[in-house]
Amino acid sequence: MIEDTGHTRHAGHAGHAGHAGNTVPVGAPVSIGSSNAEELPRVVSSRHVFSGRVVSLRVDEIDTGDGVYSREVIEHPGAVVVAAVDAAGRLVLVRQYRHPVGGYLLELPAGGLEPGEAPLEAARRELREETGLVAAEWVHLGSFFASPGFLREQLHAFLATGLDSVSSDRDEDEVIELIWRPLADVIAGAEDLRDAKTLATLLLVERHVAASPPGAEGGRRDPAGRGDQYGAETRGVNECE
């Protein structure tokens, strides 16, 4: 059995998403998506209107310099998504019912951040809960926003390898079917994938594989099944922890 050591090769930088139930301080722009050098619209007012189990809703009035406009913002604490690849180059996908879209979707394992939880910690937890797998090596691929026009959710994407099976611990309302496919086939043709976080993470996986030096000393088998080797320095600390 391979122990989940938590070693991580860093391939990007992660920020922190906003937490549900917050309002924005009036008079000061608040952003998780822009650098401090950019001039942002000023928040004139911020009103919290709804709190749910997963998300909350606020309404901001912002001054863009050309006028004052209303913006509805869904707050979300952030989430993680995991591309887990076994020694044979197979990717694990989960098939589950998604009520908002009225059907079943094929997705990568994913889930929301718990209060005070680091993204890497959440990724380990979600992989184990949904698939009954642990991973010996983790790569942080990067972070992205799910739908920044109205949703504050930021997702942190990981590549997990060195897999081993343990007992799963799914939520009571989760009915999940596990599907294994060759990663190379999934990347080459993702016509049956309609989940945005899955498609975005696969792009990051493909970019990571392309940037990994073939034949590097001490490298490991390319998870996309190209047949060459890739390697990178293993680090015990990730910036998003």
Protein backbone atom coordinates (compact mmCIF):
# COMPACT_ATOMS: atom_id res chain seq x y z
CA MET A 1 0.00 0.00 0.00
CA ILE A 2 1.31 3.40 -0.95
CA GLU A 3 1.10 6.00 1.77
CA ASP A 4 -0.43 9.38 0.91
CA THR A 5 2.68 11.40 1.70
CA GLY A 6 1.36 14.78 0.57
CA HIS A 7 4.46 15.48 -1.54
CA THR A 8 3.62 18.04 -4.19
CA ARG A 9 5.23 19.32 -7.35
CA HIS A 10 4.14 22.93 -7.72
CA ALA A 11 2.96 23.93 -11.19
CA GLY A 12 1.03 27.10 -10.44
CA HIS A 13 -0.14 29.58 -7.82
CA ALA A 14 -3.40 29.41 -5.89
CA GLY A 15 -5.26 32.28 -4.29
CA HIS A 16 -8.15 32.08 -1.85
CA ALA A 17 -11.80 32.34 -2.73
CA GLY A 18 -14.29 34.44 -0.83
CA HIS A 19 -16.45 32.91 1.89
CA ALA A 20 -20.20 32.69 1.77
CA GLY A 21 -22.20 35.30 3.63
CA ASN A 22 -19.78 38.21 3.24
CA THR A 23 -20.50 41.72 2.08
CA VAL A 24 -17.92 43.96 0.44
CA PRO A 25 -16.65 46.94 2.47
CA VAL A 26 -18.15 50.09 1.00
CA GLY A 27 -15.67 52.47 -0.62
CA ALA A 28 -12.89 49.95 -1.17
CA PRO A 29 -12.67 47.61 -4.18
CA VAL A 30 -12.19 43.98 -3.22
CA SER A 31 -10.89 41.48 -5.77
CA ILE A 32 -9.47 37.97 -5.91
CA GLY A 33 -8.92 38.14 -9.64
CA SER A 34 -6.84 41.27 -10.28
CA SER A 35 -3.43 42.57 -9.34
CA ASN A 36 -3.12 45.47 -6.93
CA ALA A 37 -1.83 47.67 -9.76
CA GLU A 38 -5.17 47.64 -11.55
CA GLU A 39 -7.76 50.31 -10.79
CA LEU A 40 -11.04 48.67 -9.85
CA PRO A 41 -14.59 50.01 -9.59
CA ARG A 42 -15.49 51.39 -6.18
CA VAL A 43 -18.16 49.60 -4.15
CA VAL A 44 -20.91 52.08 -3.28
CA SER A 45 -23.05 49.65 -1.31
CA SER A 46 -23.25 45.92 -0.59
CA ARG A 47 -26.37 44.12 0.59
CA HIS A 48 -26.57 40.48 1.71
CA VAL A 49 -29.88 38.95 0.59
CA PHE A 50 -29.66 35.16 0.97
CA SER A 51 -27.68 32.42 2.74
CA GLY A 52 -27.92 28.73 1.85
CA ARG A 53 -26.06 25.58 2.75
CA VAL A 54 -23.56 25.96 -0.11
CA VAL A 55 -23.80 29.52 -1.41
CA SER A 56 -25.01 32.98 -0.48
CA LEU A 57 -26.13 35.95 -2.56
CA ARG A 58 -25.26 39.61 -2.23
CA VAL A 59 -26.10 42.63 -4.35
CA ASP A 60 -23.40 45.28 -4.86
CA GLU A 61 -23.67 48.76 -6.31
CA ILE A 62 -20.39 49.63 -8.03
CA ASP A 63 -19.12 52.92 -9.44
CA THR A 64 -17.21 52.25 -12.67
CA GLY A 65 -16.47 55.91 -13.33
CA ASP A 66 -19.07 55.94 -16.10
CA GLY A 67 -21.98 55.34 -13.75
CA VAL A 68 -23.26 53.26 -10.84
CA TYR A 69 -24.43 49.75 -11.64
CA SER A 70 -25.94 46.83 -9.74
CA ARG A 71 -24.17 43.47 -9.66
CA GLU A 72 -25.55 40.23 -8.20
CA VAL A 73 -22.77 38.09 -6.72
CA ILE A 74 -23.03 34.48 -5.59
CA GLU A 75 -20.53 33.81 -2.81
CA HIS A 76 -18.86 30.39 -2.65
CA PRO A 77 -15.96 29.29 -0.40
CA GLY A 78 -14.05 27.73 -3.30
CA ALA A 79 -13.53 24.16 -4.45
CA VAL A 80 -11.01 21.62 -5.69
CA VAL A 81 -10.96 19.29 -8.70
CA VAL A 82 -8.68 16.27 -9.04
CA ALA A 83 -7.34 14.48 -12.12
CA ALA A 84 -6.28 11.12 -10.64
CA VAL A 85 -4.26 8.89 -12.96
CA ASP A 86 -3.18 5.33 -12.19
CA ALA A 87 0.00 3.50 -13.20
CA ALA A 88 -1.64 2.30 -16.42
CA GLY A 89 -2.39 5.88 -17.50
CA ARG A 90 -6.11 5.63 -16.74
CA LEU A 91 -8.10 8.60 -15.46
CA VAL A 92 -10.91 8.11 -12.95
CA LEU A 93 -14.16 9.95 -13.69
CA VAL A 94 -17.36 10.08 -11.65
CA ARG A 95 -20.84 9.90 -13.12
CA GLN A 96 -23.53 11.47 -10.97
CA TYR A 97 -26.91 13.17 -11.18
CA ARG A 98 -26.81 16.96 -11.28
CA HIS A 99 -30.26 18.31 -10.48
CA PRO A 100 -29.73 21.92 -11.69
CA VAL A 101 -29.10 20.64 -15.26
CA GLY A 102 -31.61 17.81 -15.03
CA GLY A 103 -29.34 14.93 -15.90
CA TYR A 104 -26.23 12.85 -15.30
CA LEU A 105 -22.77 14.30 -15.96
CA LEU A 106 -19.34 12.74 -16.28
CA GLU A 107 -16.87 14.70 -14.17
CA LEU A 108 -13.55 14.63 -12.39
CA PRO A 109 -13.74 14.14 -8.60
CA ALA A 110 -14.34 17.52 -6.99
CA GLY A 111 -15.83 19.25 -3.98
CA GLY A 112 -16.02 22.41 -1.91
CA LEU A 113 -13.56 23.69 0.65
CA GLU A 114 -14.49 23.29 4.29
CA PRO A 115 -13.98 26.33 6.60
CA GLY A 116 -10.27 26.84 7.18
CA GLU A 117 -9.33 23.95 4.88
CA ALA A 118 -6.34 24.28 2.53
CA PRO A 119 -6.93 23.31 -1.13
CA LEU A 120 -4.47 20.40 -1.04
CA GLU A 121 -6.09 19.04 2.11
CA ALA A 122 -9.51 19.32 0.46
CA ALA A 123 -8.24 17.57 -2.69
CA ARG A 124 -6.98 14.61 -0.66
CA ARG A 125 -10.28 14.42 1.23
CA GLU A 126 -12.49 14.65 -1.87
CA LEU A 127 -10.50 12.04 -3.79
CA ARG A 128 -10.81 9.59 -0.92
CA GLU A 129 -14.47 10.33 -0.21
CA GLU A 130 -15.68 10.07 -3.80
CA THR A 131 -13.41 7.36 -5.23
CA GLY A 132 -11.85 5.47 -2.32
CA LEU A 133 -8.39 6.41 -3.57
CA VAL A 134 -5.33 8.02 -2.01
CA ALA A 135 -2.36 9.40 -3.96
CA ALA A 136 1.35 9.44 -3.17
CA GLU A 137 2.15 12.43 -5.37
CA TRP A 138 0.28 15.65 -5.99
CA VAL A 139 0.82 18.42 -8.54
CA HIS A 140 -1.00 21.74 -8.21
CA LEU A 141 -1.89 22.56 -11.81
CA GLY A 142 -3.37 26.01 -11.25
CA SER A 143 -6.55 27.82 -10.26
CA PHE A 144 -9.44 29.28 -12.22
CA PHE A 145 -12.87 30.87 -11.75
CA ALA A 146 -15.97 28.80 -12.52
CA SER A 147 -18.21 31.55 -13.91
CA PRO A 148 -16.87 35.00 -12.94
CA GLY A 149 -19.78 36.96 -14.39
CA PHE A 150 -21.80 36.31 -11.24
CA LEU A 151 -20.08 33.55 -9.22
CA ARG A 152 -17.11 34.11 -6.88
CA GLU A 153 -16.11 30.44 -6.76
CA GLN A 154 -12.44 29.75 -7.41
CA LEU A 155 -11.38 26.17 -8.21
CA HIS A 156 -7.95 24.67 -7.50
CA ALA A 157 -6.93 21.89 -9.90
CA PHE A 158 -4.63 19.00 -8.97
CA LEU A 159 -3.00 16.03 -10.68
CA ALA A 160 -2.79 12.98 -8.41
CA THR A 161 -0.62 9.93 -9.17
CA GLY A 162 0.73 6.94 -7.25
CA LEU A 163 -2.79 5.76 -6.48
CA ASP A 164 -3.89 3.14 -3.99
CA SER A 165 -7.35 1.97 -2.95
CA VAL A 166 -8.84 2.54 0.50
CA SER A 167 -12.41 2.69 1.78
CA SER A 168 -14.52 5.55 0.43
CA ASP A 169 -16.59 7.87 2.62
CA ARG A 170 -19.21 9.50 0.42
CA ASP A 171 -21.84 11.98 1.55
CA GLU A 172 -25.30 10.55 2.20
CA ASP A 173 -26.76 12.25 -0.88
CA GLU A 174 -23.96 11.18 -3.26
CA VAL A 175 -24.71 8.32 -5.66
CA ILE A 176 -21.59 8.00 -7.78
CA GLU A 177 -20.49 5.59 -10.50
CA LEU A 178 -16.74 5.37 -11.11
CA ILE A 179 -15.56 5.17 -14.71
CA TRP A 180 -11.92 4.59 -15.72
CA ARG A 181 -10.68 5.75 -19.11
CA PRO A 182 -7.22 6.15 -20.66
CA LEU A 183 -6.16 9.73 -20.02
CA ALA A 184 -4.83 10.05 -23.57
CA ASP A 185 -8.25 9.09 -24.97
CA VAL A 186 -10.07 11.55 -22.72
CA ILE A 187 -7.78 14.40 -23.76
CA ALA A 188 -7.99 13.47 -27.43
CA GLY A 189 -11.77 13.34 -27.49
CA ALA A 190 -13.91 14.83 -24.74
CA GLU A 191 -17.18 15.05 -26.67
CA ASP A 192 -19.22 13.48 -23.87
CA LEU A 193 -17.80 15.81 -21.20
CA ARG A 194 -19.96 18.87 -20.55
CA ASP A 195 -18.71 19.87 -17.11
CA ALA A 196 -16.64 23.08 -17.25
CA LYS A 197 -14.31 22.33 -14.34
CA THR A 198 -13.48 18.94 -15.85
CA LEU A 199 -12.71 20.42 -19.26
CA ALA A 200 -10.60 23.22 -17.75
CA THR A 201 -8.62 20.80 -15.58
CA LEU A 202 -7.94 18.49 -18.52
CA LEU A 203 -6.51 21.48 -20.38
CA LEU A 204 -4.20 22.14 -17.43
CA VAL A 205 -3.20 18.46 -17.33
CA GLU A 206 -2.40 18.54 -21.05
CA ARG A 207 -0.35 21.71 -20.58
CA HIS A 208 1.51 20.17 -17.65
CA VAL A 209 2.32 17.01 -19.59
CA ALA A 210 3.51 19.02 -22.60
CA ALA A 211 5.80 21.12 -20.38
CA SER A 212 7.28 18.12 -18.53
CA PRO A 213 10.77 17.22 -19.86
CA PRO A 214 10.82 13.76 -21.50
CA GLY A 215 13.54 11.41 -20.31
CA ALA A 216 14.35 13.45 -17.23
CA GLU A 217 16.50 11.58 -14.75
CA GLY A 218 14.33 10.08 -12.06
CA GLY A 219 11.23 10.96 -14.08
CA ARG A 220 8.02 8.94 -13.98
CA ARG A 221 5.84 7.52 -16.72
CA ASP A 222 3.91 10.19 -18.57
CA PRO A 223 0.32 10.02 -17.22
CA ALA A 224 -1.11 10.86 -20.64
CA GLY A 225 0.35 7.69 -22.10
CA ARG A 226 2.75 9.27 -24.57
CA GLY A 227 5.26 6.53 -23.73
CA ASP A 228 8.11 8.85 -22.73
CA GLN A 229 9.19 9.92 -19.27
CA TYR A 230 8.61 13.10 -17.38
CA GLY A 231 10.11 14.33 -14.15
CA ALA A 232 10.05 17.29 -11.83
CA GLU A 233 11.38 18.12 -8.43
CA THR A 234 9.24 16.76 -5.62
CA ARG A 235 8.49 19.31 -2.93
CA GLY A 236 6.84 18.76 0.42
CA VAL A 237 5.08 22.13 0.59
CA ASN A 238 2.65 23.63 -1.89
CA GLU A 239 1.82 27.34 -1.95
CA CYS A 240 -1.88 26.59 -1.85
CA GLU A 241 -1.65 24.59 1.38
